[in-house]
Each structure stands twice: as structure tokens, then as C-alpha cells.
Amino acid sequence: MAMAGSDIERLLKGAFPDAHVVVVDLAGDGDHYGARITSAAFAGKSRIQQHKMVYDALQGQMGGALHALALETAVPK
């Protein structure tokens, strides 16, 4: 079962309340998404640490209900 983009956005905003989150369905199939998350929580963290924070925020959905997610993380300027 695919995961809705709105559910991805809800989970990310729950984990990163200050974040600007943009979720895009890349293939139109509800299975392949892109997400850009801009949050102060990423400050001082490596890209790997930032992505792990995002995967943790998705509460185990990655690889299950959420098949593919192209991530872009950033710290606000």
C-alpha cells in the first residue's frame, strides 16, 4: 500500500515543527516521492545525520509503505 504525500508531510512537520517541507510525487504513482526539508534542526549535522533524522521521523515507513524518497535537506539561511 502506498503512502500519501500528505502523510509524509505530516510526519516530517511533526518531527521538525520549524521546518519548511515540500513533498512531490515524482512518478504520479504514490510510491516515489521527493522531499525538501529546511530546518534549523539540521545545523551542524552531516548530510548522513540529516537524512537519518528524516528517516527516523518517517517512523519505519521507508522501505514499506514508502517505497522511494529522494531527499534534500537544508538549514535555513
PDB file of N, CA and C in Angstrom:
ATOM      1  N   MET A   1       0.839  -1.180   0.000  1.00  0.00           N
ATOM      2  CA  MET A   1       0.000   0.000   0.000  1.00  0.00           C
ATOM      3  C   MET A   1       0.884   1.243   0.000  1.00  0.00           C
ATOM      4  N   ALA A   2       0.601   2.161  -0.877  1.00  0.00           N
ATOM      5  CA  ALA A   2       1.380   3.385  -0.998  1.00  0.00           C
ATOM      6  C   ALA A   2       1.046   4.341   0.142  1.00  0.00           C
ATOM      7  N   MET A   3       1.940   5.279   0.354  1.00  0.00           N
ATOM      8  CA  MET A   3       1.772   6.289   1.392  1.00  0.00           C
ATOM      9  C   MET A   3       1.432   7.622   0.728  1.00  0.00           C
ATOM     10  N   ALA A   4       0.475   8.333   1.255  1.00  0.00           N
ATOM     11  CA  ALA A   4       0.079   9.633   0.700  1.00  0.00           C
ATOM     12  C   ALA A   4       1.119  10.697   1.019  1.00  0.00           C
ATOM     13  N   GLY A   5       1.320  11.596   0.088  1.00  0.00           N
ATOM     14  CA  GLY A   5       2.254  12.694   0.298  1.00  0.00           C
ATOM     15  C   GLY A   5       1.896  13.525   1.518  1.00  0.00           C
ATOM     16  N   SER A   6       0.607  13.691   1.765  1.00  0.00           N
ATOM     17  CA  SER A   6       0.174  14.463   2.939  1.00  0.00           C
ATOM     18  C   SER A   6       0.583  13.778   4.240  1.00  0.00           C
ATOM     19  N   ASP A   7       0.627  12.438   4.242  1.00  0.00           N
ATOM     20  CA  ASP A   7       1.073  11.704   5.432  1.00  0.00           C
ATOM     21  C   ASP A   7       2.570  11.899   5.651  1.00  0.00           C
ATOM     22  N   ILE A   8       3.333  11.908   4.573  1.00  0.00           N
ATOM     23  CA  ILE A   8       4.777  12.149   4.676  1.00  0.00           C
ATOM     24  C   ILE A   8       5.001  13.542   5.253  1.00  0.00           C
ATOM     25  N   GLU A   9       4.306  14.518   4.703  1.00  0.00           N
ATOM     26  CA  GLU A   9       4.447  15.899   5.170  1.00  0.00           C
ATOM     27  C   GLU A   9       4.065  16.029   6.645  1.00  0.00           C
ATOM     28  N   ARG A  10       2.985  15.373   7.047  1.00  0.00           N
ATOM     29  CA  ARG A  10       2.537  15.416   8.449  1.00  0.00           C
ATOM     30  C   ARG A  10       3.594  14.857   9.392  1.00  0.00           C
ATOM     31  N   LEU A  11       4.176  13.720   9.032  1.00  0.00           N
ATOM     32  CA  LEU A  11       5.213  13.115   9.874  1.00  0.00           C
ATOM     33  C   LEU A  11       6.444  14.016   9.972  1.00  0.00           C
ATOM     34  N   LEU A  12       6.841  14.594   8.843  1.00  0.00           N
ATOM     35  CA  LEU A  12       8.026  15.454   8.839  1.00  0.00           C
ATOM     36  C   LEU A  12       7.795  16.726   9.639  1.00  0.00           C
ATOM     37  N   LYS A  13       6.636  17.337   9.488  1.00  0.00           N
ATOM     38  CA  LYS A  13       6.338  18.553  10.247  1.00  0.00           C
ATOM     39  C   LYS A  13       6.177  18.256  11.736  1.00  0.00           C
ATOM     40  N   GLY A  14       5.735  17.057  12.058  1.00  0.00           N
ATOM     41  CA  GLY A  14       5.642  16.654  13.461  1.00  0.00           C
ATOM     42  C   GLY A  14       7.012  16.526  14.101  1.00  0.00           C
ATOM     43  N   ALA A  15       7.968  16.028  13.333  1.00  0.00           N
ATOM     44  CA  ALA A  15       9.325  15.847  13.849  1.00  0.00           C
ATOM     45  C   ALA A  15      10.147  17.131  13.803  1.00  0.00           C
ATOM     46  N   PHE A  16       9.842  17.980  12.823  1.00  0.00           N
ATOM     47  CA  PHE A  16      10.588  19.230  12.629  1.00  0.00           C
ATOM     48  C   PHE A  16       9.582  20.385  12.562  1.00  0.00           C
ATOM     49  N   PRO A  17       9.060  20.814  13.716  1.00  0.00           N
ATOM     50  CA  PRO A  17       7.989  21.822  13.728  1.00  0.00           C
ATOM     51  C   PRO A  17       8.354  23.146  13.043  1.00  0.00           C
ATOM     52  N   ASP A  18       9.631  23.490  13.030  1.00  0.00           N
ATOM     53  CA  ASP A  18      10.063  24.752  12.406  1.00  0.00           C
ATOM     54  C   ASP A  18      10.279  24.625  10.907  1.00  0.00           C
ATOM     55  N   ALA A  19      10.167  23.421  10.387  1.00  0.00           N
ATOM     56  CA  ALA A  19      10.598  23.129   9.020  1.00  0.00           C
ATOM     57  C   ALA A  19       9.669  23.678   7.947  1.00  0.00           C
ATOM     58  N   HIS A  20      10.293  23.988   6.837  1.00  0.00           N
ATOM     59  CA  HIS A  20       9.564  24.222   5.587  1.00  0.00           C
ATOM     60  C   HIS A  20       9.686  22.901   4.835  1.00  0.00           C
ATOM     61  N   VAL A  21       8.573  22.265   4.551  1.00  0.00           N
ATOM     62  CA  VAL A  21       8.566  20.932   3.938  1.00  0.00           C
ATOM     63  C   VAL A  21       7.815  20.986   2.611  1.00  0.00           C
ATOM     64  N   VAL A  22       8.455  20.455   1.572  1.00  0.00           N
ATOM     65  CA  VAL A  22       7.810  20.332   0.267  1.00  0.00           C
ATOM     66  C   VAL A  22       7.928  18.877  -0.154  1.00  0.00           C
ATOM     67  N   VAL A  23       6.792  18.234  -0.397  1.00  0.00           N
ATOM     68  CA  VAL A  23       6.763  16.831  -0.828  1.00  0.00           C
ATOM     69  C   VAL A  23       6.148  16.787  -2.224  1.00  0.00           C
ATOM     70  N   VAL A  24       6.822  16.090  -3.142  1.00  0.00           N
ATOM     71  CA  VAL A  24       6.366  15.998  -4.530  1.00  0.00           C
ATOM     72  C   VAL A  24       6.293  14.525  -4.931  1.00  0.00           C
ATOM     73  N   ASP A  25       5.184  14.134  -5.544  1.00  0.00           N
ATOM     74  CA  ASP A  25       5.040  12.780  -6.090  1.00  0.00           C
ATOM     75  C   ASP A  25       5.765  12.763  -7.435  1.00  0.00           C
ATOM     76  N   LEU A  26       6.930  12.143  -7.485  1.00  0.00           N
ATOM     77  CA  LEU A  26       7.801  12.209  -8.660  1.00  0.00           C
ATOM     78  C   LEU A  26       7.287  11.414  -9.857  1.00  0.00           C
ATOM     79  N   ALA A  27       6.589  10.325  -9.602  1.00  0.00           N
ATOM     80  CA  ALA A  27       6.172   9.453 -10.697  1.00  0.00           C
ATOM     81  C   ALA A  27       4.654   9.426 -10.886  1.00  0.00           C
ATOM     82  N   GLY A  28       3.926  10.110 -10.017  1.00  0.00           N
ATOM     83  CA  GLY A  28       2.471  10.112 -10.113  1.00  0.00           C
ATOM     84  C   GLY A  28       1.841   8.806  -9.676  1.00  0.00           C
ATOM     85  N   ASP A  29       2.622   7.976  -8.982  1.00  0.00           N
ATOM     86  CA  ASP A  29       2.115   6.660  -8.578  1.00  0.00           C
ATOM     87  C   ASP A  29       1.924   6.513  -7.072  1.00  0.00           C
ATOM     88  N   GLY A  30       2.190   7.581  -6.317  1.00  0.00           N
ATOM     89  CA  GLY A  30       2.052   7.497  -4.864  1.00  0.00           C
ATOM     90  C   GLY A  30       3.090   6.616  -4.219  1.00  0.00           C
ATOM     91  N   ASP A  31       4.145   6.299  -4.928  1.00  0.00           N
ATOM     92  CA  ASP A  31       5.181   5.393  -4.433  1.00  0.00           C
ATOM     93  C   ASP A  31       6.582   5.996  -4.465  1.00  0.00           C
ATOM     94  N   HIS A  32       6.765   7.009  -5.277  1.00  0.00           N
ATOM     95  CA  HIS A  32       8.087   7.615  -5.457  1.00  0.00           C
ATOM     96  C   HIS A  32       7.977   9.116  -5.224  1.00  0.00           C
ATOM     97  N   TYR A  33       8.550   9.564  -4.117  1.00  0.00           N
ATOM     98  CA  TYR A  33       8.421  10.954  -3.724  1.00  0.00           C
ATOM     99  C   TYR A  33       9.782  11.640  -3.655  1.00  0.00           C
ATOM    100  N   GLY A  34       9.730  12.937  -3.736  1.00  0.00           N
ATOM    101  CA  GLY A  34      10.865  13.789  -3.446  1.00  0.00           C
ATOM    102  C   GLY A  34      10.454  14.684  -2.298  1.00  0.00           C
ATOM    103  N   ALA A  35      11.376  14.976  -1.402  1.00  0.00           N
ATOM    104  CA  ALA A  35      11.063  15.858  -0.278  1.00  0.00           C
ATOM    105  C   ALA A  35      12.233  16.800  -0.035  1.00  0.00           C
ATOM    106  N   ARG A  36      11.899  18.081   0.149  1.00  0.00           N
ATOM    107  CA  ARG A  36      12.880  19.079   0.551  1.00  0.00           C
ATOM    108  C   ARG A  36      12.455  19.567   1.926  1.00  0.00           C
ATOM    109  N   ILE A  37      13.350  19.395   2.911  1.00  0.00           N
ATOM    110  CA  ILE A  37      13.076  19.781   4.278  1.00  0.00           C
ATOM    111  C   ILE A  37      14.136  20.794   4.696  1.00  0.00           C
ATOM    112  N   THR A  38      13.690  21.984   5.078  1.00  0.00           N
ATOM    113  CA  THR A  38      14.592  23.021   5.558  1.00  0.00           C
ATOM    114  C   THR A  38      14.272  23.246   7.026  1.00  0.00           C
ATOM    115  N   SER A  39      15.265  22.964   7.892  1.00  0.00           N
ATOM    116  CA  SER A  39      15.036  23.061   9.326  1.00  0.00           C
ATOM    117  C   SER A  39      16.323  23.422  10.057  1.00  0.00           C
ATOM    118  N   ALA A  40      16.189  24.231  11.091  1.00  0.00           N
ATOM    119  CA  ALA A  40      17.325  24.579  11.945  1.00  0.00           C
ATOM    120  C   ALA A  40      17.852  23.347  12.684  1.00  0.00           C
ATOM    121  N   ALA A  41      17.040  22.310  12.795  1.00  0.00           N
ATOM    122  CA  ALA A  41      17.465  21.077  13.482  1.00  0.00           C
ATOM    123  C   ALA A  41      18.646  20.415  12.775  1.00  0.00           C
ATOM    124  N   PHE A  42      18.863  20.741  11.510  1.00  0.00           N
ATOM    125  CA  PHE A  42      19.952  20.141  10.740  1.00  0.00           C
ATOM    126  C   PHE A  42      21.287  20.864  10.925  1.00  0.00           C
ATOM    127  N   ALA A  43      21.276  21.999  11.594  1.00  0.00           N
ATOM    128  CA  ALA A  43      22.505  22.786  11.766  1.00  0.00           C
ATOM    129  C   ALA A  43      23.591  21.959  12.456  1.00  0.00           C
ATOM    130  N   GLY A  44      24.784  21.984  11.882  1.00  0.00           N
ATOM    131  CA  GLY A  44      25.921  21.281  12.466  1.00  0.00           C
ATOM    132  C   GLY A  44      25.938  19.787  12.232  1.00  0.00           C
ATOM    133  N   LYS A  45      24.975  19.272  11.506  1.00  0.00           N
ATOM    134  CA  LYS A  45      24.887  17.830  11.238  1.00  0.00           C
ATOM    135  C   LYS A  45      25.392  17.535   9.825  1.00  0.00           C
ATOM    136  N   SER A  46      25.988  16.367   9.662  1.00  0.00           N
ATOM    137  CA  SER A  46      26.406  15.934   8.324  1.00  0.00           C
ATOM    138  C   SER A  46      25.157  15.578   7.510  1.00  0.00           C
ATOM    139  N   ARG A  47      25.323  15.493   6.215  1.00  0.00           N
ATOM    140  CA  ARG A  47      24.195  15.116   5.346  1.00  0.00           C
ATOM    141  C   ARG A  47      23.645  13.749   5.765  1.00  0.00           C
ATOM    142  N   ILE A  48      24.517  12.823   6.094  1.00  0.00           N
ATOM    143  CA  ILE A  48      24.080  11.488   6.522  1.00  0.00           C
ATOM    144  C   ILE A  48      23.254  11.585   7.807  1.00  0.00           C
ATOM    145  N   GLN A  49      23.709  12.384   8.760  1.00  0.00           N
ATOM    146  CA  GLN A  49      22.955  12.560  10.001  1.00  0.00           C
ATOM    147  C   GLN A  49      21.596  13.206   9.729  1.00  0.00           C
ATOM    148  N   GLN A  50      21.563  14.188   8.841  1.00  0.00           N
ATOM    149  CA  GLN A  50      20.306  14.845   8.497  1.00  0.00           C
ATOM    150  C   GLN A  50      19.324  13.851   7.898  1.00  0.00           C
ATOM    151  N   HIS A  51      19.800  13.030   6.973  1.00  0.00           N
ATOM    152  CA  HIS A  51      18.914  12.062   6.319  1.00  0.00           C
ATOM    153  C   HIS A  51      18.437  11.005   7.309  1.00  0.00           C
ATOM    154  N   LYS A  52      19.301  10.612   8.237  1.00  0.00           N
ATOM    155  CA  LYS A  52      18.883   9.657   9.265  1.00  0.00           C
ATOM    156  C   LYS A  52      17.784  10.262  10.128  1.00  0.00           C
ATOM    157  N   MET A  53      17.895  11.549  10.431  1.00  0.00           N
ATOM    158  CA  MET A  53      16.853  12.233  11.200  1.00  0.00           C
ATOM    159  C   MET A  53      15.513  12.183  10.452  1.00  0.00           C
ATOM    160  N   VAL A  54      15.571  12.364   9.149  1.00  0.00           N
ATOM    161  CA  VAL A  54      14.354  12.322   8.338  1.00  0.00           C
ATOM    162  C   VAL A  54      13.782  10.902   8.334  1.00  0.00           C
ATOM    163  N   TYR A  55      14.635   9.902   8.124  1.00  0.00           N
ATOM    164  CA  TYR A  55      14.151   8.516   8.129  1.00  0.00           C
ATOM    165  C   TYR A  55      13.532   8.164   9.475  1.00  0.00           C
ATOM    166  N   ASP A  56      14.151   8.615  10.563  1.00  0.00           N
ATOM    167  CA  ASP A  56      13.586   8.364  11.894  1.00  0.00           C
ATOM    168  C   ASP A  56      12.208   9.023  12.026  1.00  0.00           C
ATOM    169  N   ALA A  57      12.058  10.224  11.466  1.00  0.00           N
ATOM    170  CA  ALA A  57      10.783  10.944  11.525  1.00  0.00           C
ATOM    171  C   ALA A  57       9.681  10.194  10.779  1.00  0.00           C
ATOM    172  N   LEU A  58      10.064   9.394   9.788  1.00  0.00           N
ATOM    173  CA  LEU A  58       9.083   8.646   8.996  1.00  0.00           C
ATOM    174  C   LEU A  58       8.601   7.377   9.697  1.00  0.00           C
ATOM    175  N   GLN A  59       9.093   7.143  10.893  1.00  0.00           N
ATOM    176  CA  GLN A  59       8.597   6.087  11.781  1.00  0.00           C
ATOM    177  C   GLN A  59       8.521   4.710  11.135  1.00  0.00           C
ATOM    178  N   GLY A  60       9.577   4.323  10.448  1.00  0.00           N
ATOM    179  CA  GLY A  60       9.649   2.977   9.884  1.00  0.00           C
ATOM    180  C   GLY A  60       8.894   2.772   8.583  1.00  0.00           C
ATOM    181  N   GLN A  61       8.339   3.823   8.004  1.00  0.00           N
ATOM    182  CA  GLN A  61       7.578   3.686   6.764  1.00  0.00           C
ATOM    183  C   GLN A  61       8.482   3.532   5.535  1.00  0.00           C
ATOM    184  N   MET A  62       9.731   4.013   5.632  1.00  0.00           N
ATOM    185  CA  MET A  62      10.651   3.935   4.498  1.00  0.00           C
ATOM    186  C   MET A  62      10.957   2.471   4.189  1.00  0.00           C
ATOM    187  N   GLY A  63      10.779   2.084   2.939  1.00  0.00           N
ATOM    188  CA  GLY A  63      11.009   0.700   2.540  1.00  0.00           C
ATOM    189  C   GLY A  63       9.768  -0.164   2.675  1.00  0.00           C
ATOM    190  N   GLY A  64       8.746   0.376   3.314  1.00  0.00           N
ATOM    191  CA  GLY A  64       7.481  -0.340   3.445  1.00  0.00           C
ATOM    192  C   GLY A  64       6.430   0.376   2.626  1.00  0.00           C
ATOM    193  N   ALA A  65       5.583   1.144   3.332  1.00  0.00           N
ATOM    194  CA  ALA A  65       4.533   1.914   2.645  1.00  0.00           C
ATOM    195  C   ALA A  65       5.128   2.984   1.743  1.00  0.00           C
ATOM    196  N   LEU A  66       6.319   3.437   2.108  1.00  0.00           N
ATOM    197  CA  LEU A  66       7.015   4.451   1.305  1.00  0.00           C
ATOM    198  C   LEU A  66       8.176   3.772   0.595  1.00  0.00           C
ATOM    199  N   HIS A  67       8.027   3.591  -0.710  1.00  0.00           N
ATOM    200  CA  HIS A  67       8.995   2.820  -1.486  1.00  0.00           C
ATOM    201  C   HIS A  67      10.276   3.601  -1.779  1.00  0.00           C
ATOM    202  N   ALA A  68      10.145   4.855  -2.220  1.00  0.00           N
ATOM    203  CA  ALA A  68      11.325   5.633  -2.614  1.00  0.00           C
ATOM    204  C   ALA A  68      11.135   7.095  -2.242  1.00  0.00           C
ATOM    205  N   LEU A  69      12.190   7.690  -1.692  1.00  0.00           N
ATOM    206  CA  LEU A  69      12.142   9.091  -1.304  1.00  0.00           C
ATOM    207  C   LEU A  69      13.471   9.750  -1.630  1.00  0.00           C
ATOM    208  N   ALA A  70      13.445  10.685  -2.571  1.00  0.00           N
ATOM    209  CA  ALA A  70      14.629  11.471  -2.907  1.00  0.00           C
ATOM    210  C   ALA A  70      14.660  12.646  -1.935  1.00  0.00           C
ATOM    211  N   LEU A  71      15.687  12.699  -1.104  1.00  0.00           N
ATOM    212  CA  LEU A  71      15.755  13.702  -0.052  1.00  0.00           C
ATOM    213  C   LEU A  71      16.684  14.850  -0.381  1.00  0.00           C
ATOM    214  N   GLU A  72      16.257  16.025   0.024  1.00  0.00           N
ATOM    215  CA  GLU A  72      17.115  17.199   0.004  1.00  0.00           C
ATOM    216  C   GLU A  72      16.872  17.899   1.342  1.00  0.00           C
ATOM    217  N   THR A  73      17.924  18.022   2.133  1.00  0.00           N
ATOM    218  CA  THR A  73      17.814  18.670   3.433  1.00  0.00           C
ATOM    219  C   THR A  73      18.662  19.932   3.422  1.00  0.00           C
ATOM    220  N   ALA A  74      18.216  20.931   4.194  1.00  0.00           N
ATOM    221  CA  ALA A  74      18.942  22.190   4.242  1.00  0.00           C
ATOM    222  C   ALA A  74      18.691  22.880   5.571  1.00  0.00           C
ATOM    223  N   VAL A  75      19.619  23.789   5.914  1.00  0.00           N
ATOM    224  CA  VAL A  75      19.490  24.638   7.095  1.00  0.00           C
ATOM    225  C   VAL A  75      19.034  26.009   6.594  1.00  0.00           C
ATOM    226  N   PRO A  76      18.088  26.642   7.287  1.00  0.00           N
ATOM    227  CA  PRO A  76      17.652  27.971   6.832  1.00  0.00           C
ATOM    228  C   PRO A  76      18.820  28.948   6.838  1.00  0.00           C
ATOM    229  N   LYS A  77      18.773  29.895   5.893  1.00  0.00           N
ATOM    230  CA  LYS A  77      19.850  30.886   5.798  1.00  0.00           C
ATOM    231  C   LYS A  77      19.534  32.081   6.660  1.00  0.00           C
TER     232      LYS A  77
END
